Amino acid sequence: MPNPTKSDLSRVRAMSDADIERIALEDPDAQPMTDEELAQAKRMRLDDFLPTTKAKVCLRLDQDVVTWFRARGRGYQTKINAALRAFIDSQEHRPRP
C-alpha cells in the first residue's frame, strides 16, 4: 500500500495552468527569477551536494550479500561501508578513527 500523502492532489489536478501560475505568483517566497538572477545562476548536480570524503564506486557483490544488507532496511550501503571498515580495523588492529 502506498504511503498516504498530505497533499490534496485531486484539487491540484483539477486546477488550470493559469490558476496554478496565479497562486504561485501570489506567494512572496516563490517569485520568478529575474533575467539578471538567471544569468548568475549556477547549474548544480547532485554530486555537488554529496560529501567529498566518500568515493563513488561500482562494486559487484554476491546477490545474497546485497539481499542480506537490504533486508535490514534503509541505509544498507552505509552498513556495508561500516562492515568493510570493521574488517579493515580488525586486520590492522587499530581503533576506528
PDB file of N, CA and C in Angstrom:
ATOM      1  N   MET A   1       0.839  -1.180   0.000  1.00  0.00           N
ATOM      2  CA  MET A   1       0.000   0.000   0.000  1.00  0.00           C
ATOM      3  C   MET A   1       0.888   1.248   0.000  1.00  0.00           C
ATOM      4  N   PRO A   2       0.658   2.188  -0.928  1.00  0.00           N
ATOM      5  CA  PRO A   2       1.486   3.386  -0.984  1.00  0.00           C
ATOM      6  C   PRO A   2       1.271   4.256   0.254  1.00  0.00           C
ATOM      7  N   ASN A   3       2.288   5.045   0.574  1.00  0.00           N
ATOM      8  CA  ASN A   3       2.178   5.951   1.711  1.00  0.00           C
ATOM      9  C   ASN A   3       1.159   7.031   1.404  1.00  0.00           C
ATOM     10  N   PRO A   4       0.293   7.361   2.359  1.00  0.00           N
ATOM     11  CA  PRO A   4      -0.670   8.441   2.117  1.00  0.00           C
ATOM     12  C   PRO A   4       0.067   9.776   2.046  1.00  0.00           C
ATOM     13  N   THR A   5      -0.456  10.674   1.241  1.00  0.00           N
ATOM     14  CA  THR A   5       0.151  11.987   1.103  1.00  0.00           C
ATOM     15  C   THR A   5      -0.703  13.015   1.816  1.00  0.00           C
ATOM     16  N   LYS A   6      -0.088  14.076   2.256  1.00  0.00           N
ATOM     17  CA  LYS A   6      -0.824  15.151   2.900  1.00  0.00           C
ATOM     18  C   LYS A   6      -1.318  16.160   1.870  1.00  0.00           C
ATOM     19  N   SER A   7      -0.946  15.979   0.609  1.00  0.00           N
ATOM     20  CA  SER A   7      -1.353  16.888  -0.451  1.00  0.00           C
ATOM     21  C   SER A   7      -2.768  16.555  -0.917  1.00  0.00           C
ATOM     22  N   ASP A   8      -3.438  17.574  -1.404  1.00  0.00           N
ATOM     23  CA  ASP A   8      -4.765  17.391  -1.981  1.00  0.00           C
ATOM     24  C   ASP A   8      -4.578  17.324  -3.496  1.00  0.00           C
ATOM     25  N   LEU A   9      -4.075  16.173  -3.969  1.00  0.00           N
ATOM     26  CA  LEU A   9      -3.726  16.044  -5.382  1.00  0.00           C
ATOM     27  C   LEU A   9      -4.921  16.189  -6.304  1.00  0.00           C
ATOM     28  N   SER A  10      -6.069  15.710  -5.876  1.00  0.00           N
ATOM     29  CA  SER A  10      -7.241  15.822  -6.757  1.00  0.00           C
ATOM     30  C   SER A  10      -7.601  17.285  -6.990  1.00  0.00           C
ATOM     31  N   ARG A  11      -7.461  18.133  -5.961  1.00  0.00           N
ATOM     32  CA  ARG A  11      -7.743  19.561  -6.115  1.00  0.00           C
ATOM     33  C   ARG A  11      -6.712  20.200  -7.051  1.00  0.00           C
ATOM     34  N   VAL A  12      -5.452  19.840  -6.898  1.00  0.00           N
ATOM     35  CA  VAL A  12      -4.401  20.413  -7.742  1.00  0.00           C
ATOM     36  C   VAL A  12      -4.577  19.962  -9.185  1.00  0.00           C
ATOM     37  N   ARG A  13      -4.894  18.692  -9.378  1.00  0.00           N
ATOM     38  CA  ARG A  13      -5.083  18.190 -10.750  1.00  0.00           C
ATOM     39  C   ARG A  13      -6.258  18.870 -11.451  1.00  0.00           C
ATOM     40  N   ALA A  14      -7.230  19.325 -10.673  1.00  0.00           N
ATOM     41  CA  ALA A  14      -8.403  19.976 -11.260  1.00  0.00           C
ATOM     42  C   ALA A  14      -8.131  21.436 -11.619  1.00  0.00           C
ATOM     43  N   MET A  15      -7.011  21.985 -11.175  1.00  0.00           N
ATOM     44  CA  MET A  15      -6.710  23.391 -11.434  1.00  0.00           C
ATOM     45  C   MET A  15      -6.166  23.571 -12.848  1.00  0.00           C
ATOM     46  N   SER A  16      -6.436  24.733 -13.408  1.00  0.00           N
ATOM     47  CA  SER A  16      -5.873  25.062 -14.722  1.00  0.00           C
ATOM     48  C   SER A  16      -4.452  25.571 -14.540  1.00  0.00           C
ATOM     49  N   ASP A  17      -3.688  25.584 -15.617  1.00  0.00           N
ATOM     50  CA  ASP A  17      -2.328  26.121 -15.559  1.00  0.00           C
ATOM     51  C   ASP A  17      -2.346  27.580 -15.118  1.00  0.00           C
ATOM     52  N   ALA A  18      -3.344  28.325 -15.572  1.00  0.00           N
ATOM     53  CA  ALA A  18      -3.448  29.733 -15.198  1.00  0.00           C
ATOM     54  C   ALA A  18      -3.683  29.877 -13.692  1.00  0.00           C
ATOM     55  N   ASP A  19      -4.523  29.006 -13.123  1.00  0.00           N
ATOM     56  CA  ASP A  19      -4.764  29.040 -11.673  1.00  0.00           C
ATOM     57  C   ASP A  19      -3.480  28.751 -10.902  1.00  0.00           C
ATOM     58  N   ILE A  20      -2.752  27.741 -11.343  1.00  0.00           N
ATOM     59  CA  ILE A  20      -1.508  27.375 -10.667  1.00  0.00           C
ATOM     60  C   ILE A  20      -0.502  28.520 -10.743  1.00  0.00           C
ATOM     61  N   GLU A  21      -0.368  29.138 -11.909  1.00  0.00           N
ATOM     62  CA  GLU A  21       0.570  30.252 -12.070  1.00  0.00           C
ATOM     63  C   GLU A  21       0.156  31.441 -11.207  1.00  0.00           C
ATOM     64  N   ARG A  22      -1.142  31.753 -11.162  1.00  0.00           N
ATOM     65  CA  ARG A  22      -1.639  32.867 -10.357  1.00  0.00           C
ATOM     66  C   ARG A  22      -1.330  32.635  -8.883  1.00  0.00           C
ATOM     67  N   ILE A  23      -1.599  31.439  -8.392  1.00  0.00           N
ATOM     68  CA  ILE A  23      -1.351  31.130  -6.980  1.00  0.00           C
ATOM     69  C   ILE A  23       0.142  31.181  -6.674  1.00  0.00           C
ATOM     70  N   ALA A  24       0.963  30.682  -7.588  1.00  0.00           N
ATOM     71  CA  ALA A  24       2.412  30.713  -7.376  1.00  0.00           C
ATOM     72  C   ALA A  24       2.921  32.154  -7.311  1.00  0.00           C
ATOM     73  N   LEU A  25       2.407  33.023  -8.169  1.00  0.00           N
ATOM     74  CA  LEU A  25       2.852  34.416  -8.194  1.00  0.00           C
ATOM     75  C   LEU A  25       2.410  35.171  -6.946  1.00  0.00           C
ATOM     76  N   GLU A  26       1.351  34.710  -6.284  1.00  0.00           N
ATOM     77  CA  GLU A  26       0.887  35.338  -5.047  1.00  0.00           C
ATOM     78  C   GLU A  26       1.764  34.980  -3.855  1.00  0.00           C
ATOM     79  N   ASP A  27       2.587  33.969  -3.987  1.00  0.00           N
ATOM     80  CA  ASP A  27       3.465  33.539  -2.898  1.00  0.00           C
ATOM     81  C   ASP A  27       4.731  34.396  -2.914  1.00  0.00           C
ATOM     82  N   PRO A  28       4.954  35.212  -1.869  1.00  0.00           N
ATOM     83  CA  PRO A  28       6.131  36.087  -1.881  1.00  0.00           C
ATOM     84  C   PRO A  28       7.456  35.314  -1.828  1.00  0.00           C
ATOM     85  N   ASP A  29       7.421  34.073  -1.386  1.00  0.00           N
ATOM     86  CA  ASP A  29       8.645  33.273  -1.311  1.00  0.00           C
ATOM     87  C   ASP A  29       8.926  32.500  -2.588  1.00  0.00           C
ATOM     88  N   ALA A  30       8.050  32.618  -3.574  1.00  0.00           N
ATOM     89  CA  ALA A  30       8.220  31.837  -4.804  1.00  0.00           C
ATOM     90  C   ALA A  30       8.119  32.715  -6.040  1.00  0.00           C
ATOM     91  N   GLN A  31       8.778  33.854  -5.982  1.00  0.00           N
ATOM     92  CA  GLN A  31       8.722  34.762  -7.117  1.00  0.00           C
ATOM     93  C   GLN A  31       9.661  34.285  -8.225  1.00  0.00           C
ATOM     94  N   PRO A  32       9.289  34.533  -9.487  1.00  0.00           N
ATOM     95  CA  PRO A  32      10.160  34.128 -10.601  1.00  0.00           C
ATOM     96  C   PRO A  32      11.495  34.854 -10.528  1.00  0.00           C
ATOM     97  N   MET A  33      12.509  34.213 -11.045  1.00  0.00           N
ATOM     98  CA  MET A  33      13.831  34.832 -11.079  1.00  0.00           C
ATOM     99  C   MET A  33      13.875  35.878 -12.180  1.00  0.00           C
ATOM    100  N   THR A  34      14.634  36.931 -11.925  1.00  0.00           N
ATOM    101  CA  THR A  34      14.827  37.969 -12.940  1.00  0.00           C
ATOM    102  C   THR A  34      15.848  37.470 -13.958  1.00  0.00           C
ATOM    103  N   ASP A  35      15.951  38.153 -15.073  1.00  0.00           N
ATOM    104  CA  ASP A  35      16.950  37.801 -16.093  1.00  0.00           C
ATOM    105  C   ASP A  35      18.361  37.882 -15.511  1.00  0.00           C
ATOM    106  N   GLU A  36      18.594  38.887 -14.652  1.00  0.00           N
ATOM    107  CA  GLU A  36      19.916  39.027 -14.030  1.00  0.00           C
ATOM    108  C   GLU A  36      20.217  37.842 -13.108  1.00  0.00           C
ATOM    109  N   GLU A  37      19.225  37.421 -12.330  1.00  0.00           N
ATOM    110  CA  GLU A  37      19.417  36.277 -11.438  1.00  0.00           C
ATOM    111  C   GLU A  37      19.669  34.994 -12.238  1.00  0.00           C
ATOM    112  N   LEU A  38      18.922  34.836 -13.319  1.00  0.00           N
ATOM    113  CA  LEU A  38      19.122  33.653 -14.159  1.00  0.00           C
ATOM    114  C   LEU A  38      20.516  33.646 -14.786  1.00  0.00           C
ATOM    115  N   ALA A  39      21.005  34.833 -15.178  1.00  0.00           N
ATOM    116  CA  ALA A  39      22.326  34.918 -15.789  1.00  0.00           C
ATOM    117  C   ALA A  39      23.424  34.539 -14.793  1.00  0.00           C
ATOM    118  N   GLN A  40      23.190  34.777 -13.504  1.00  0.00           N
ATOM    119  CA  GLN A  40      24.184  34.463 -12.479  1.00  0.00           C
ATOM    120  C   GLN A  40      23.993  33.069 -11.883  1.00  0.00           C
ATOM    121  N   ALA A  41      22.938  32.395 -12.263  1.00  0.00           N
ATOM    122  CA  ALA A  41      22.644  31.074 -11.690  1.00  0.00           C
ATOM    123  C   ALA A  41      23.704  30.066 -12.102  1.00  0.00           C
ATOM    124  N   LYS A  42      23.995  29.168 -11.202  1.00  0.00           N
ATOM    125  CA  LYS A  42      24.970  28.116 -11.464  1.00  0.00           C
ATOM    126  C   LYS A  42      24.230  26.792 -11.543  1.00  0.00           C
ATOM    127  N   ARG A  43      24.504  26.021 -12.585  1.00  0.00           N
ATOM    128  CA  ARG A  43      23.891  24.698 -12.722  1.00  0.00           C
ATOM    129  C   ARG A  43      24.508  23.782 -11.671  1.00  0.00           C
ATOM    130  N   MET A  44      23.659  23.136 -10.891  1.00  0.00           N
ATOM    131  CA  MET A  44      24.129  22.260  -9.826  1.00  0.00           C
ATOM    132  C   MET A  44      23.772  20.821 -10.166  1.00  0.00           C
ATOM    133  N   ARG A  45      24.616  19.908  -9.704  1.00  0.00           N
ATOM    134  CA  ARG A  45      24.361  18.481  -9.868  1.00  0.00           C
ATOM    135  C   ARG A  45      24.281  17.860  -8.487  1.00  0.00           C
ATOM    136  N   LEU A  46      23.674  16.691  -8.394  1.00  0.00           N
ATOM    137  CA  LEU A  46      23.563  16.009  -7.122  1.00  0.00           C
ATOM    138  C   LEU A  46      24.936  15.807  -6.493  1.00  0.00           C
ATOM    139  N   ASP A  47      25.938  15.497  -7.296  1.00  0.00           N
ATOM    140  CA  ASP A  47      27.284  15.276  -6.775  1.00  0.00           C
ATOM    141  C   ASP A  47      27.831  16.505  -6.046  1.00  0.00           C
ATOM    142  N   ASP A  48      27.321  17.690  -6.393  1.00  0.00           N
ATOM    143  CA  ASP A  48      27.777  18.914  -5.731  1.00  0.00           C
ATOM    144  C   ASP A  48      27.359  18.947  -4.266  1.00  0.00           C
ATOM    145  N   PHE A  49      26.362  18.148  -3.890  1.00  0.00           N
ATOM    146  CA  PHE A  49      25.845  18.158  -2.527  1.00  0.00           C
ATOM    147  C   PHE A  49      26.277  16.935  -1.716  1.00  0.00           C
ATOM    148  N   LEU A  50      26.914  15.973  -2.351  1.00  0.00           N
ATOM    149  CA  LEU A  50      27.342  14.767  -1.654  1.00  0.00           C
ATOM    150  C   LEU A  50      28.651  15.023  -0.928  1.00  0.00           C
ATOM    151  N   PRO A  51      28.861  14.339   0.187  1.00  0.00           N
ATOM    152  CA  PRO A  51      30.126  14.526   0.897  1.00  0.00           C
ATOM    153  C   PRO A  51      31.305  14.163   0.010  1.00  0.00           C
ATOM    154  N   THR A  52      32.362  14.933   0.124  1.00  0.00           N
ATOM    155  CA  THR A  52      33.538  14.670  -0.706  1.00  0.00           C
ATOM    156  C   THR A  52      34.465  13.643  -0.070  1.00  0.00           C
ATOM    157  N   THR A  53      34.140  13.197   1.133  1.00  0.00           N
ATOM    158  CA  THR A  53      35.002  12.240   1.809  1.00  0.00           C
ATOM    159  C   THR A  53      34.747  10.814   1.347  1.00  0.00           C
ATOM    160  N   LYS A  54      33.737  10.610   0.539  1.00  0.00           N
ATOM    161  CA  LYS A  54      33.423   9.268   0.052  1.00  0.00           C
ATOM    162  C   LYS A  54      33.676   9.205  -1.451  1.00  0.00           C
ATOM    163  N   ALA A  55      34.101   8.047  -1.900  1.00  0.00           N
ATOM    164  CA  ALA A  55      34.339   7.823  -3.321  1.00  0.00           C
ATOM    165  C   ALA A  55      33.183   7.033  -3.905  1.00  0.00           C
ATOM    166  N   LYS A  56      32.727   7.455  -5.056  1.00  0.00           N
ATOM    167  CA  LYS A  56      31.663   6.735  -5.746  1.00  0.00           C
ATOM    168  C   LYS A  56      32.311   5.606  -6.539  1.00  0.00           C
ATOM    169  N   VAL A  57      31.858   4.365  -6.296  1.00  0.00           N
ATOM    170  CA  VAL A  57      32.425   3.208  -6.987  1.00  0.00           C
ATOM    171  C   VAL A  57      31.313   2.294  -7.471  1.00  0.00           C
ATOM    172  N   CYS A  58      31.639   1.522  -8.462  1.00  0.00           N
ATOM    173  CA  CYS A  58      30.754   0.453  -8.914  1.00  0.00           C
ATOM    174  C   CYS A  58      31.371  -0.831  -8.381  1.00  0.00           C
ATOM    175  N   LEU A  59      30.608  -1.585  -7.600  1.00  0.00           N
ATOM    176  CA  LEU A  59      31.139  -2.738  -6.914  1.00  0.00           C
ATOM    177  C   LEU A  59      30.217  -3.924  -7.142  1.00  0.00           C
ATOM    178  N   ARG A  60      30.768  -5.033  -7.564  1.00  0.00           N
ATOM    179  CA  ARG A  60      29.974  -6.241  -7.762  1.00  0.00           C
ATOM    180  C   ARG A  60      30.046  -7.083  -6.500  1.00  0.00           C
ATOM    181  N   LEU A  61      28.874  -7.335  -5.929  1.00  0.00           N
ATOM    182  CA  LEU A  61      28.772  -8.138  -4.713  1.00  0.00           C
ATOM    183  C   LEU A  61      27.904  -9.350  -4.985  1.00  0.00           C
ATOM    184  N   ASP A  62      28.100 -10.411  -4.211  1.00  0.00           N
ATOM    185  CA  ASP A  62      27.236 -11.586  -4.331  1.00  0.00           C
ATOM    186  C   ASP A  62      25.802 -11.169  -4.006  1.00  0.00           C
ATOM    187  N   GLN A  63      24.851 -11.721  -4.748  1.00  0.00           N
ATOM    188  CA  GLN A  63      23.455 -11.344  -4.576  1.00  0.00           C
ATOM    189  C   GLN A  63      22.973 -11.582  -3.149  1.00  0.00           C
ATOM    190  N   ASP A  64      23.391 -12.688  -2.535  1.00  0.00           N
ATOM    191  CA  ASP A  64      22.918 -12.962  -1.173  1.00  0.00           C
ATOM    192  C   ASP A  64      23.460 -11.943  -0.172  1.00  0.00           C
ATOM    193  N   VAL A  65      24.647 -11.379  -0.433  1.00  0.00           N
ATOM    194  CA  VAL A  65      25.196 -10.347   0.444  1.00  0.00           C
ATOM    195  C   VAL A  65      24.346  -9.084   0.336  1.00  0.00           C
ATOM    196  N   VAL A  66      24.042  -8.672  -0.880  1.00  0.00           N
ATOM    197  CA  VAL A  66      23.218  -7.481  -1.094  1.00  0.00           C
ATOM    198  C   VAL A  66      21.833  -7.691  -0.486  1.00  0.00           C
ATOM    199  N   THR A  67      21.244  -8.859  -0.712  1.00  0.00           N
ATOM    200  CA  THR A  67      19.912  -9.162  -0.168  1.00  0.00           C
ATOM    201  C   THR A  67      19.924  -9.076   1.352  1.00  0.00           C
ATOM    202  N   TRP A  68      20.965  -9.613   1.973  1.00  0.00           N
ATOM    203  CA  TRP A  68      21.061  -9.604   3.436  1.00  0.00           C
ATOM    204  C   TRP A  68      21.103  -8.178   3.969  1.00  0.00           C
ATOM    205  N   PHE A  69      21.942  -7.323   3.370  1.00  0.00           N
ATOM    206  CA  PHE A  69      22.047  -5.940   3.840  1.00  0.00           C
ATOM    207  C   PHE A  69      20.760  -5.157   3.546  1.00  0.00           C
ATOM    208  N   ARG A  70      20.186  -5.337   2.368  1.00  0.00           N
ATOM    209  CA  ARG A  70      18.952  -4.612   2.028  1.00  0.00           C
ATOM    210  C   ARG A  70      17.798  -5.011   2.940  1.00  0.00           C
ATOM    211  N   ALA A  71      17.789  -6.259   3.382  1.00  0.00           N
ATOM    212  CA  ALA A  71      16.713  -6.741   4.257  1.00  0.00           C
ATOM    213  C   ALA A  71      16.730  -6.027   5.607  1.00  0.00           C
ATOM    214  N   ARG A  72      17.830  -5.399   5.933  1.00  0.00           N
ATOM    215  CA  ARG A  72      17.939  -4.701   7.202  1.00  0.00           C
ATOM    216  C   ARG A  72      17.455  -3.255   7.110  1.00  0.00           C
ATOM    217  N   GLY A  73      16.918  -2.869   5.993  1.00  0.00           N
ATOM    218  CA  GLY A  73      16.282  -1.563   5.866  1.00  0.00           C
ATOM    219  C   GLY A  73      17.158  -0.498   5.244  1.00  0.00           C
ATOM    220  N   ARG A  74      16.664   0.722   5.383  1.00  0.00           N
ATOM    221  CA  ARG A  74      17.342   1.876   4.783  1.00  0.00           C
ATOM    222  C   ARG A  74      18.761   1.983   5.283  1.00  0.00           C
ATOM    223  N   GLY A  75      19.616   2.537   4.449  1.00  0.00           N
ATOM    224  CA  GLY A  75      20.998   2.749   4.820  1.00  0.00           C
ATOM    225  C   GLY A  75      21.867   1.524   4.625  1.00  0.00           C
ATOM    226  N   TYR A  76      21.434   0.622   3.756  1.00  0.00           N
ATOM    227  CA  TYR A  76      22.195  -0.620   3.587  1.00  0.00           C
ATOM    228  C   TYR A  76      23.601  -0.350   3.051  1.00  0.00           C
ATOM    229  N   GLN A  77      23.777   0.672   2.222  1.00  0.00           N
ATOM    230  CA  GLN A  77      25.118   0.968   1.714  1.00  0.00           C
ATOM    231  C   GLN A  77      26.019   1.469   2.842  1.00  0.00           C
ATOM    232  N   THR A  78      25.466   2.253   3.742  1.00  0.00           N
ATOM    233  CA  THR A  78      26.219   2.716   4.899  1.00  0.00           C
ATOM    234  C   THR A  78      26.614   1.532   5.769  1.00  0.00           C
ATOM    235  N   LYS A  79      25.722   0.558   5.899  1.00  0.00           N
ATOM    236  CA  LYS A  79      26.022  -0.636   6.692  1.00  0.00           C
ATOM    237  C   LYS A  79      27.118  -1.473   6.028  1.00  0.00           C
ATOM    238  N   ILE A  80      27.086  -1.567   4.706  1.00  0.00           N
ATOM    239  CA  ILE A  80      28.156  -2.277   4.000  1.00  0.00           C
ATOM    240  C   ILE A  80      29.478  -1.563   4.236  1.00  0.00           C
ATOM    241  N   ASN A  81      29.472  -0.225   4.165  1.00  0.00           N
ATOM    242  CA  ASN A  81      30.683   0.552   4.421  1.00  0.00           C
ATOM    243  C   ASN A  81      31.194   0.292   5.839  1.00  0.00           C
ATOM    244  N   ALA A  82      30.289   0.255   6.817  1.00  0.00           N
ATOM    245  CA  ALA A  82      30.691   0.010   8.208  1.00  0.00           C
ATOM    246  C   ALA A  82      31.286  -1.386   8.369  1.00  0.00           C
ATOM    247  N   ALA A  83      30.712  -2.370   7.683  1.00  0.00           N
ATOM    248  CA  ALA A  83      31.246  -3.734   7.764  1.00  0.00           C
ATOM    249  C   ALA A  83      32.646  -3.795   7.161  1.00  0.00           C
ATOM    250  N   LEU A  84      32.854  -3.127   6.051  1.00  0.00           N
ATOM    251  CA  LEU A  84      34.181  -3.093   5.438  1.00  0.00           C
ATOM    252  C   LEU A  84      35.183  -2.372   6.340  1.00  0.00           C
ATOM    253  N   ARG A  85      34.746  -1.278   6.955  1.00  0.00           N
ATOM    254  CA  ARG A  85      35.630  -0.547   7.870  1.00  0.00           C
ATOM    255  C   ARG A  85      35.993  -1.420   9.062  1.00  0.00           C
ATOM    256  N   ALA A  86      35.025  -2.138   9.624  1.00  0.00           N
ATOM    257  CA  ALA A  86      35.295  -3.016  10.768  1.00  0.00           C
ATOM    258  C   ALA A  86      36.309  -4.096  10.381  1.00  0.00           C
ATOM    259  N   PHE A  87      36.188  -4.623   9.171  1.00  0.00           N
ATOM    260  CA  PHE A  87      37.148  -5.624   8.707  1.00  0.00           C
ATOM    261  C   PHE A  87      38.554  -5.031   8.620  1.00  0.00           C
ATOM    262  N   ILE A  88      38.649  -3.839   8.034  1.00  0.00           N
ATOM    263  CA  ILE A  88      39.961  -3.182   7.915  1.00  0.00           C
ATOM    264  C   ILE A  88      40.556  -2.957   9.300  1.00  0.00           C
ATOM    265  N   ASP A  89      39.728  -2.424  10.212  1.00  0.00           N
ATOM    266  CA  ASP A  89      40.220  -2.161  11.561  1.00  0.00           C
ATOM    267  C   ASP A  89      40.678  -3.434  12.244  1.00  0.00           C
ATOM    268  N   SER A  90      39.975  -4.546  12.020  1.00  0.00           N
ATOM    269  CA  SER A  90      40.363  -5.804  12.654  1.00  0.00           C
ATOM    270  C   SER A  90      41.676  -6.334  12.079  1.00  0.00           C
ATOM    271  N   GLN A  91      41.939  -6.045  10.823  1.00  0.00           N
ATOM    272  CA  GLN A  91      43.173  -6.512  10.195  1.00  0.00           C
ATOM    273  C   GLN A  91      44.370  -5.675  10.616  1.00  0.00           C
ATOM    274  N   GLU A  92      44.131  -4.419  10.898  1.00  0.00           N
ATOM    275  CA  GLU A  92      45.228  -3.515  11.254  1.00  0.00           C
ATOM    276  C   GLU A  92      45.368  -3.350  12.754  1.00  0.00           C
ATOM    277  N   HIS A  93      44.462  -3.961  13.531  1.00  0.00           N
ATOM    278  CA  HIS A  93      44.495  -3.900  14.995  1.00  0.00           C
ATOM    279  C   HIS A  93      44.572  -2.449  15.488  1.00  0.00           C
ATOM    280  N   ARG A  94      43.744  -1.634  14.892  1.00  0.00           N
ATOM    281  CA  ARG A  94      43.729  -0.234  15.319  1.00  0.00           C
ATOM    282  C   ARG A  94      42.281   0.173  15.548  1.00  0.00           C
ATOM    283  N   PRO A  95      42.055   1.105  16.449  1.00  0.00           N
ATOM    284  CA  PRO A  95      40.689   1.577  16.675  1.00  0.00           C
ATOM    285  C   PRO A  95      40.192   2.418  15.518  1.00  0.00           C
ATOM    286  N   ARG A  96      38.900   2.464  15.385  1.00  0.00           N
ATOM    287  CA  ARG A  96      38.290   3.264  14.323  1.00  0.00           C
ATOM    288  C   ARG A  96      38.508   4.736  14.590  1.00  0.00           C
ATOM    289  N   PRO A  97      38.806   5.519  13.541  1.00  0.00           N
ATOM    290  CA  PRO A  97      39.040   6.963  13.725  1.00  0.00           C
ATOM    291  C   PRO A  97      37.772   7.685  14.153  1.00  0.00           C
TER     292      PRO A  97
END
